[in-house]
N, C-alpha and C. Protein backbone atom coordinates (compact mmCIF):
# COMPACT_ATOMS: atom_id res chain seq x y z
N MET A 1 29.68 -25.36 -13.72
CA MET A 1 28.72 -24.16 -14.12
C MET A 1 27.67 -25.07 -14.70
N GLY A 2 26.30 -24.50 -14.26
CA GLY A 2 25.15 -24.84 -14.74
C GLY A 2 24.38 -25.80 -13.68
N SER A 3 25.16 -26.02 -12.37
CA SER A 3 24.40 -26.78 -11.09
C SER A 3 24.08 -25.45 -10.36
N PHE A 4 23.16 -25.91 -9.61
CA PHE A 4 22.60 -25.03 -8.15
C PHE A 4 23.60 -25.45 -7.12
N SER A 5 24.31 -24.24 -6.49
CA SER A 5 24.98 -24.53 -5.47
C SER A 5 23.92 -24.13 -4.18
N ILE A 6 24.66 -24.45 -3.16
CA ILE A 6 23.80 -24.19 -1.87
C ILE A 6 23.50 -22.57 -1.67
N TRP A 7 23.93 -21.75 -2.14
CA TRP A 7 23.78 -20.14 -2.32
C TRP A 7 22.73 -19.94 -3.25
N HIS A 8 22.65 -20.50 -4.35
CA HIS A 8 21.58 -20.26 -5.26
C HIS A 8 20.48 -20.80 -4.47
N TRP A 9 20.44 -21.61 -3.98
CA TRP A 9 18.85 -22.27 -3.25
C TRP A 9 18.34 -21.49 -2.13
N LEU A 10 19.75 -20.90 -1.36
CA LEU A 10 19.38 -19.74 -0.45
C LEU A 10 18.74 -18.48 -1.05
N ILE A 11 19.40 -18.16 -2.11
CA ILE A 11 18.94 -16.99 -2.75
C ILE A 11 17.11 -17.39 -3.05
N VAL A 12 16.92 -18.31 -3.97
CA VAL A 12 15.70 -18.60 -4.05
C VAL A 12 14.67 -18.77 -2.65
N LEU A 13 15.05 -19.43 -1.75
CA LEU A 13 14.18 -19.48 -0.64
C LEU A 13 13.93 -18.14 -0.07
N VAL A 14 14.92 -17.34 -0.10
CA VAL A 14 14.55 -15.67 0.22
C VAL A 14 13.73 -15.15 -0.48
N LEU A 15 14.08 -15.54 -1.71
CA LEU A 15 13.30 -14.56 -2.71
C LEU A 15 11.45 -15.12 -2.53
N ILE A 16 11.63 -16.20 -2.44
CA ILE A 16 10.13 -16.59 -2.71
C ILE A 16 9.75 -17.24 -1.40
N GLY A 17 10.33 -17.86 -0.58
CA GLY A 17 9.95 -18.67 0.67
C GLY A 17 9.56 -17.58 1.82
N LEU A 18 10.28 -16.59 1.71
CA LEU A 18 10.24 -15.37 2.88
C LEU A 18 8.80 -14.56 2.77
N PRO A 19 8.80 -14.28 1.36
CA PRO A 19 7.63 -13.45 1.32
C PRO A 19 6.00 -14.14 1.22
N LEU A 20 6.26 -15.53 0.94
CA LEU A 20 5.27 -16.36 1.26
C LEU A 20 4.75 -16.55 2.51
N ILE A 21 5.76 -16.43 3.45
CA ILE A 21 5.37 -16.67 4.75
C ILE A 21 4.26 -15.30 5.19
N PHE A 22 4.64 -14.15 4.86
CA PHE A 22 3.84 -13.13 5.18
C PHE A 22 2.46 -13.15 4.41
N VAL A 23 2.61 -13.39 2.91
CA VAL A 23 1.52 -13.27 2.09
C VAL A 23 0.20 -14.32 2.58
N LEU A 24 0.79 -15.42 3.03
CA LEU A 24 -0.14 -16.61 3.35
C LEU A 24 -0.65 -16.42 4.68
N ARG A 25 -0.25 -15.81 5.35
CA ARG A 25 -0.40 -15.54 6.89
C ARG A 25 -2.09 -14.68 6.86
N ALA A 26 -3.21 -15.23 7.47
CA ALA A 26 -4.36 -14.48 7.45
C ALA A 26 -4.15 -13.37 8.32
N PRO A 27 -4.76 -12.36 8.06
CA PRO A 27 -4.93 -11.12 8.81
C PRO A 27 -5.57 -11.42 10.20
N PRO A 28 -5.43 -10.64 11.49
CA PRO A 28 -6.04 -10.97 12.55
C PRO A 28 -7.75 -11.03 12.49
N ALA A 29 -8.13 -12.33 13.28
CA ALA A 29 -9.56 -12.18 13.15
C ALA A 29 -10.38 -11.21 13.73
N GLY A 30 -11.55 -10.97 13.77
CA GLY A 30 -12.58 -10.08 14.28
C GLY A 30 -12.39 -8.88 13.50
N SER A 31 -13.09 -7.79 14.07
CA SER A 31 -13.47 -6.57 13.52
C SER A 31 -11.95 -5.84 13.29
N ASN A 32 -12.21 -4.93 12.23
CA ASN A 32 -10.71 -4.19 12.01
C ASN A 32 -10.41 -3.44 12.87
N ARG A 33 -9.06 -3.50 13.39
CA ARG A 33 -8.38 -2.83 14.67
C ARG A 33 -8.06 -1.40 14.34
N PHE A 34 -8.23 -0.92 12.99
CA PHE A 34 -7.67 0.37 12.73
C PHE A 34 -8.65 1.40 12.49
N GLY A 35 -9.81 1.14 12.95
CA GLY A 35 -10.77 2.19 13.10
C GLY A 35 -12.16 1.84 11.97
N ASP A 36 -12.83 3.02 12.01
CA ASP A 36 -14.05 2.59 11.19
C ASP A 36 -13.71 2.50 9.50
N ILE A 37 -14.67 1.97 8.74
CA ILE A 37 -14.77 1.98 7.45
C ILE A 37 -14.60 3.46 6.60
N PRO A 38 -13.54 3.72 5.93
CA PRO A 38 -13.36 5.01 5.45
C PRO A 38 -14.59 5.17 4.45
N PRO A 39 -15.09 6.42 3.98
CA PRO A 39 -15.80 6.69 3.18
C PRO A 39 -15.28 6.73 1.63
N PRO A 40 -16.07 6.17 0.59
CA PRO A 40 -15.49 6.55 -0.80
C PRO A 40 -15.39 8.10 -1.02
N MET A 41 -14.20 8.25 -2.05
CA MET A 41 -14.16 9.62 -2.24
C MET A 41 -13.91 9.95 -3.64
N SER A 42 -14.27 11.15 -4.11
CA SER A 42 -13.97 11.67 -5.36
C SER A 42 -12.47 11.86 -5.76
N PHE A 43 -12.28 12.37 -6.97
CA PHE A 43 -10.81 12.69 -7.26
C PHE A 43 -10.29 13.60 -6.42
N THR A 44 -11.01 14.86 -6.41
CA THR A 44 -10.56 16.32 -5.55
C THR A 44 -10.74 15.58 -4.26
N GLU A 45 -11.51 15.02 -3.52
CA GLU A 45 -11.65 14.87 -2.21
C GLU A 45 -10.28 13.71 -2.01
N ALA A 46 -9.84 12.84 -2.78
CA ALA A 46 -8.90 11.94 -2.59
C ALA A 46 -7.45 12.90 -2.67
N ILE A 47 -7.15 13.62 -3.26
CA ILE A 47 -6.26 14.42 -3.57
C ILE A 47 -6.15 15.46 -2.36
N SER A 48 -7.00 15.83 -1.87
CA SER A 48 -7.18 16.84 -0.54
C SER A 48 -6.70 15.98 0.43
N SER A 49 -7.35 14.45 0.65
CA SER A 49 -7.01 13.88 1.73
C SER A 49 -5.46 13.52 1.82
N PHE A 50 -5.05 13.18 0.56
CA PHE A 50 -3.54 12.87 0.38
C PHE A 50 -2.62 13.73 0.99
N PHE A 51 -3.05 15.21 0.78
CA PHE A 51 -2.17 16.32 1.31
C PHE A 51 -2.34 16.57 2.56
N GLN A 52 -3.61 16.60 3.27
CA GLN A 52 -3.88 16.84 4.60
C GLN A 52 -3.54 15.74 5.54
N ASN A 53 -3.38 14.49 5.06
CA ASN A 53 -2.53 13.39 6.05
C ASN A 53 -1.50 13.21 5.57
N TYR A 54 -0.79 14.36 5.30
CA TYR A 54 0.63 14.10 4.67
C TYR A 54 1.49 13.28 5.74
N ALA A 55 1.54 13.02 6.99
CA ALA A 55 2.35 12.26 7.83
C ALA A 55 1.49 11.52 8.59
N ASN A 56 0.31 11.36 8.31
CA ASN A 56 -0.74 10.45 9.29
C ASN A 56 -0.91 8.96 8.66
N PHE A 57 -0.21 8.08 9.54
CA PHE A 57 0.19 6.78 9.20
C PHE A 57 -1.07 5.74 10.26
N SER A 58 -1.93 6.62 10.89
CA SER A 58 -3.00 5.67 11.59
C SER A 58 -4.40 5.85 10.74
N GLY A 59 -5.27 5.00 11.05
CA GLY A 59 -6.60 5.25 10.43
C GLY A 59 -6.42 4.34 9.21
N ARG A 60 -7.57 4.47 8.28
CA ARG A 60 -7.86 3.58 7.21
C ARG A 60 -7.97 4.99 5.84
N ALA A 61 -7.53 4.19 4.53
CA ALA A 61 -7.72 4.83 3.50
C ALA A 61 -8.71 3.79 2.65
N SER A 62 -9.77 4.42 1.99
CA SER A 62 -10.52 3.56 1.10
C SER A 62 -9.69 3.42 -0.35
N ARG A 63 -10.35 2.29 -0.99
CA ARG A 63 -9.80 2.34 -2.53
C ARG A 63 -9.68 3.54 -3.00
N SER A 64 -11.15 4.04 -3.20
CA SER A 64 -10.63 5.25 -4.14
C SER A 64 -9.81 6.44 -3.83
N GLU A 65 -9.71 6.45 -2.36
CA GLU A 65 -8.65 7.48 -2.13
C GLU A 65 -7.18 7.17 -2.40
N PHE A 66 -7.10 5.77 -2.29
CA PHE A 66 -5.65 5.32 -2.50
C PHE A 66 -5.62 5.38 -3.99
N TRP A 67 -6.26 4.87 -4.89
CA TRP A 67 -6.22 4.69 -6.38
C TRP A 67 -6.47 6.07 -7.11
N TYR A 68 -7.17 7.00 -6.71
CA TYR A 68 -7.13 8.49 -7.18
C TYR A 68 -5.95 9.20 -6.68
N SER A 69 -5.29 8.94 -5.59
CA SER A 69 -4.03 9.58 -5.36
C SER A 69 -3.00 9.20 -6.07
N TYR A 70 -2.93 7.83 -6.38
CA TYR A 70 -1.77 7.34 -7.21
C TYR A 70 -1.86 7.94 -8.67
N LEU A 71 -3.27 8.04 -9.32
CA LEU A 71 -3.44 8.36 -10.38
C LEU A 71 -2.88 9.99 -10.51
N PHE A 72 -3.45 10.72 -9.66
CA PHE A 72 -2.72 12.03 -9.41
C PHE A 72 -1.27 12.08 -9.54
N ILE A 73 -0.64 11.05 -8.75
CA ILE A 73 0.88 11.12 -8.69
C ILE A 73 1.55 10.76 -9.83
N PHE A 74 0.93 9.75 -10.60
CA PHE A 74 1.04 9.30 -12.11
C PHE A 74 0.92 10.69 -13.17
N ILE A 75 0.00 11.18 -12.96
CA ILE A 75 -0.48 12.20 -13.96
C ILE A 75 0.91 13.83 -13.80
N VAL A 76 1.05 13.95 -12.45
CA VAL A 76 1.79 14.93 -12.23
C VAL A 76 3.25 14.48 -12.38
N GLY A 77 3.74 13.22 -12.22
CA GLY A 77 4.58 12.51 -12.76
C GLY A 77 5.18 12.87 -14.16
N ILE A 78 4.16 12.34 -15.12
CA ILE A 78 4.49 12.75 -16.39
C ILE A 78 4.71 14.07 -16.81
N VAL A 79 3.88 14.96 -16.08
CA VAL A 79 4.42 16.31 -16.30
C VAL A 79 5.80 16.74 -15.90
N VAL A 80 5.99 16.47 -14.64
CA VAL A 80 7.39 16.63 -14.15
C VAL A 80 8.47 16.22 -15.14
N VAL A 81 8.30 15.07 -15.64
CA VAL A 81 9.27 14.22 -16.53
C VAL A 81 9.46 15.14 -17.89
N ILE A 82 8.30 15.81 -18.20
CA ILE A 82 8.42 16.44 -19.38
C ILE A 82 9.03 17.86 -19.17
N VAL A 83 8.62 18.47 -17.94
CA VAL A 83 9.22 19.50 -17.52
C VAL A 83 10.89 19.47 -17.32
N ASP A 84 11.38 18.54 -16.90
CA ASP A 84 12.73 17.97 -16.72
C ASP A 84 13.33 17.97 -18.15
N ALA A 85 12.64 17.27 -18.95
CA ALA A 85 13.24 17.17 -20.43
C ALA A 85 13.41 18.32 -21.04
N VAL A 86 12.45 19.32 -20.69
CA VAL A 86 12.53 20.73 -21.47
C VAL A 86 13.73 21.49 -20.90
N LEU A 87 13.83 21.25 -19.68
CA LEU A 87 15.01 22.15 -18.81
C LEU A 87 16.32 21.50 -18.80
N ASN A 88 16.12 20.28 -19.30
CA ASN A 88 17.40 19.21 -19.29
C ASN A 88 18.29 18.77 -18.05
N ASN A 89 17.47 18.88 -17.12
CA ASN A 89 18.01 18.60 -15.87
C ASN A 89 16.77 17.61 -15.08
N GLU A 90 17.40 17.07 -14.09
CA GLU A 90 16.46 16.34 -12.89
C GLU A 90 15.94 16.84 -11.94
N ILE A 91 16.11 18.15 -11.47
CA ILE A 91 15.95 18.96 -10.55
C ILE A 91 14.41 18.95 -10.08
N VAL A 92 13.42 19.21 -11.12
CA VAL A 92 12.13 19.18 -10.57
C VAL A 92 11.43 17.74 -10.17
N SER A 93 11.80 16.91 -10.96
CA SER A 93 11.36 15.30 -10.51
C SER A 93 11.93 14.90 -9.42
N SER A 94 13.07 15.24 -8.90
CA SER A 94 13.86 14.97 -7.55
C SER A 94 13.07 15.77 -6.51
N ILE A 95 12.72 16.88 -6.80
CA ILE A 95 11.85 17.55 -5.61
C ILE A 95 10.53 17.04 -5.43
N TRP A 96 9.91 16.84 -6.48
CA TRP A 96 8.66 16.07 -6.50
C TRP A 96 8.75 14.80 -6.12
N ASN A 97 9.49 13.92 -6.48
CA ASN A 97 9.57 12.64 -5.67
C ASN A 97 9.90 12.70 -4.18
N LEU A 98 10.76 13.55 -3.75
CA LEU A 98 11.05 13.78 -2.25
C LEU A 98 9.67 14.52 -1.59
N ALA A 99 9.11 15.15 -2.13
CA ALA A 99 7.91 15.84 -1.51
C ALA A 99 6.76 14.95 -1.41
N ILE A 100 6.62 13.88 -2.34
CA ILE A 100 5.35 13.02 -2.29
C ILE A 100 6.07 11.47 -1.47
N LEU A 101 7.12 11.32 -1.04
CA LEU A 101 7.54 10.14 -0.32
C LEU A 101 6.80 9.86 0.78
N LEU A 102 6.92 10.96 1.90
CA LEU A 102 6.15 10.60 3.08
C LEU A 102 4.71 10.34 2.98
N PRO A 103 4.01 11.15 2.24
CA PRO A 103 2.74 11.12 2.06
C PRO A 103 2.09 9.72 1.35
N THR A 104 2.92 9.44 0.33
CA THR A 104 2.41 7.99 -0.28
C THR A 104 3.04 7.14 0.77
N LEU A 105 3.79 6.86 1.63
CA LEU A 105 4.06 5.98 2.38
C LEU A 105 2.75 5.66 3.48
N ALA A 106 2.46 7.07 3.96
CA ALA A 106 1.44 7.35 4.93
C ALA A 106 0.20 6.67 4.53
N MET A 107 -0.13 7.07 3.04
CA MET A 107 -1.29 6.57 2.44
C MET A 107 -1.36 4.99 2.22
N THR A 108 -0.52 4.57 1.75
CA THR A 108 -0.03 3.04 1.61
C THR A 108 -0.26 2.38 2.85
N THR A 109 0.14 2.94 3.86
CA THR A 109 0.01 2.25 5.27
C THR A 109 -1.45 2.12 5.59
N ARG A 110 -2.30 3.46 5.41
CA ARG A 110 -3.64 3.67 5.61
C ARG A 110 -4.32 2.42 4.79
N ARG A 111 -3.96 2.38 3.66
CA ARG A 111 -4.80 1.28 2.66
C ARG A 111 -4.70 -0.05 3.33
N LEU A 112 -3.25 -0.47 3.61
CA LEU A 112 -2.96 -1.82 4.37
C LEU A 112 -3.95 -1.81 5.46
N HIS A 113 -4.01 -0.76 6.07
CA HIS A 113 -4.82 -0.77 7.48
C HIS A 113 -6.32 -1.34 7.16
N ASP A 114 -6.77 -0.70 6.04
CA ASP A 114 -8.09 -0.88 5.53
C ASP A 114 -8.41 -2.10 5.22
N ILE A 115 -7.33 -3.26 4.96
CA ILE A 115 -7.75 -4.78 4.90
C ILE A 115 -7.23 -5.53 5.98
N ASN A 116 -6.99 -4.76 7.28
CA ASN A 116 -6.65 -5.26 8.65
C ASN A 116 -5.34 -5.64 8.38
N ARG A 117 -4.36 -5.24 7.54
CA ARG A 117 -2.77 -5.36 7.52
C ARG A 117 -2.03 -4.59 8.14
N SER A 118 -0.92 -4.77 8.62
CA SER A 118 0.24 -3.79 9.20
C SER A 118 0.61 -3.14 8.00
N GLY A 119 1.09 -1.62 8.19
CA GLY A 119 1.71 -0.96 7.20
C GLY A 119 3.28 -1.40 6.98
N TRP A 120 3.78 -2.28 7.83
CA TRP A 120 5.13 -3.06 7.44
C TRP A 120 5.08 -3.79 6.33
N HIS A 121 3.77 -4.24 6.01
CA HIS A 121 3.79 -5.22 4.82
C HIS A 121 4.39 -4.47 3.59
N GLN A 122 4.31 -3.13 3.49
CA GLN A 122 5.04 -2.48 2.36
C GLN A 122 6.28 -3.00 1.99
N LEU A 123 7.12 -3.25 3.17
CA LEU A 123 8.35 -3.74 2.65
C LEU A 123 8.57 -4.93 1.83
N LEU A 124 7.39 -5.60 1.78
CA LEU A 124 7.28 -6.88 0.82
C LEU A 124 7.51 -6.48 -0.62
N ALA A 125 7.45 -4.95 -1.20
CA ALA A 125 7.72 -4.84 -2.37
C ALA A 125 9.04 -5.11 -3.00
N GLY A 126 9.82 -5.09 -1.84
CA GLY A 126 11.41 -5.12 -2.46
C GLY A 126 11.84 -6.59 -2.42
N LEU A 127 10.64 -7.42 -2.17
CA LEU A 127 10.94 -9.24 -2.53
C LEU A 127 10.11 -9.64 -3.91
N PHE A 128 10.69 -9.26 -4.74
CA PHE A 128 10.13 -9.07 -6.11
C PHE A 128 10.06 -10.74 -6.60
N PRO A 129 9.12 -11.52 -7.09
CA PRO A 129 7.95 -11.08 -7.47
C PRO A 129 6.76 -11.48 -6.68
N ILE A 130 7.01 -12.26 -5.82
CA ILE A 130 5.73 -12.41 -4.78
C ILE A 130 5.29 -11.56 -4.07
N GLY A 131 6.24 -10.66 -3.41
CA GLY A 131 5.65 -9.49 -2.63
C GLY A 131 5.06 -8.48 -3.36
N THR A 132 5.52 -8.09 -4.32
CA THR A 132 4.96 -7.10 -5.27
C THR A 132 3.52 -7.71 -5.65
N ILE A 133 3.45 -8.50 -6.24
CA ILE A 133 2.13 -9.20 -6.74
C ILE A 133 1.01 -9.21 -5.53
N ALA A 134 1.64 -9.83 -4.31
CA ALA A 134 0.83 -9.74 -3.15
C ALA A 134 0.47 -8.24 -2.65
N LEU A 135 1.05 -7.33 -2.95
CA LEU A 135 0.81 -5.93 -2.55
C LEU A 135 -0.31 -5.54 -3.35
N ILE A 136 -0.04 -5.77 -4.90
CA ILE A 136 -1.06 -5.29 -5.82
C ILE A 136 -2.45 -5.96 -5.58
N VAL A 137 -2.32 -7.20 -5.01
CA VAL A 137 -3.84 -7.80 -4.74
C VAL A 137 -4.40 -7.15 -3.83
N TRP A 138 -3.63 -7.00 -2.65
CA TRP A 138 -4.22 -6.41 -1.33
C TRP A 138 -4.60 -4.92 -1.43
N TYR A 139 -3.81 -4.00 -2.32
CA TYR A 139 -4.43 -2.83 -2.69
C TYR A 139 -5.81 -2.75 -3.27
N CYS A 140 -6.07 -3.91 -4.08
CA CYS A 140 -7.42 -3.77 -5.10
C CYS A 140 -8.55 -4.35 -3.97
N LYS A 141 -8.33 -5.17 -2.78
CA LYS A 141 -9.15 -5.87 -2.07
C LYS A 141 -10.12 -4.86 -1.36
N LYS A 142 -11.21 -5.50 -1.18
CA LYS A 142 -12.53 -4.43 -0.58
C LYS A 142 -11.93 -4.15 0.82
N SER A 143 -12.73 -3.17 1.34
CA SER A 143 -12.40 -3.09 3.02
C SER A 143 -12.62 -4.37 3.73
N ASP A 144 -12.00 -4.73 4.87
CA ASP A 144 -12.25 -5.47 5.69
C ASP A 144 -12.52 -5.22 7.01
N ASP A 145 -13.87 -5.60 7.10
CA ASP A 145 -14.45 -5.35 8.61
C ASP A 145 -15.41 -6.28 8.92
N THR A 146 -14.71 -7.35 9.00
CA THR A 146 -15.22 -8.74 9.60
C THR A 146 -15.78 -8.48 11.09
N VAL A 147 -16.84 -9.00 11.11
CA VAL A 147 -17.40 -9.21 12.39
C VAL A 147 -17.33 -10.69 13.22
N THR A 148 -17.18 -10.51 14.59
CA THR A 148 -16.98 -11.64 15.30
C THR A 148 -18.23 -12.21 15.63
N MET A 149 -18.45 -13.49 15.96
CA MET A 149 -19.60 -14.11 16.33
C MET A 149 -20.36 -13.44 17.58
N SER A 150 -19.21 -13.18 18.63
CA SER A 150 -19.77 -12.66 19.57
C SER A 150 -20.46 -11.41 19.57
N GLU A 151 -19.84 -10.50 18.40
CA GLU A 151 -20.49 -9.18 18.01
C GLU A 151 -22.04 -9.53 17.54
N ILE A 152 -22.21 -10.53 16.90
CA ILE A 152 -23.47 -10.61 15.96
C ILE A 152 -24.33 -11.40 17.30
N GLU A 153 -23.74 -11.97 18.22
CA GLU A 153 -24.57 -12.40 19.30
C GLU A 153 -25.10 -11.36 20.34
N ARG A 154 -24.66 -10.31 20.25
CA ARG A 154 -24.84 -9.05 21.04
C ARG A 154 -25.97 -8.39 20.23
N VAL A 155 -26.02 -8.45 18.86
CA VAL A 155 -27.06 -7.53 18.40
C VAL A 155 -28.48 -8.37 18.62
N PHE A 156 -28.50 -9.51 18.64
CA PHE A 156 -29.92 -10.42 18.63
C PHE A 156 -30.26 -10.57 20.10
N GLU A 157 -29.37 -10.34 21.04
CA GLU A 157 -29.87 -10.35 22.57
C GLU A 157 -30.92 -9.14 22.98
C-alpha cells in the first residue's frame, strides 16, 4: 500500500499523456478549411442561429454565437431546475436536456471548426483535467484564418 503499480502509471499516462498528444498538436497550416469567417452575433441572433442550425455540423460558429448560446442554455437550465423543484420531478429538465443535446454538439463542432480544429476534439472533455482545460481555452480563442505565403504572393502579383 502506498506504492505505484504499473496500473497506476498506466492510468496516469492515459489521463495526462493521451490528451496532451491532441492538445499540443498544431492545427493544419494554411487558411481555415471549414469556410469563411462567421459574423459576430447579438444575443437574439445567436439563439436564432442555435435553433436554425439544429443539426448542422458543417461551417463555423463565432465566439459570440457560441457564448451567447451557452448563456441562453444556462439561464433556461436554471429556470427548468426551478420548475422541476416546484413540480417535484425531473421530467422537464430531462426533456430540455434531450432537446438541446444535438444542437449543442453541432454548435460546439462549428466553434472548433472556427479555430481550424476537428469537431471530434469535443471528446477531450472526457479526459479531465487536461482535455477540459484545453477545450475551454480553444472555445475562447479568436477565429483562425491564417493565410499562407503563396496567398500573400498572389495578392502582390
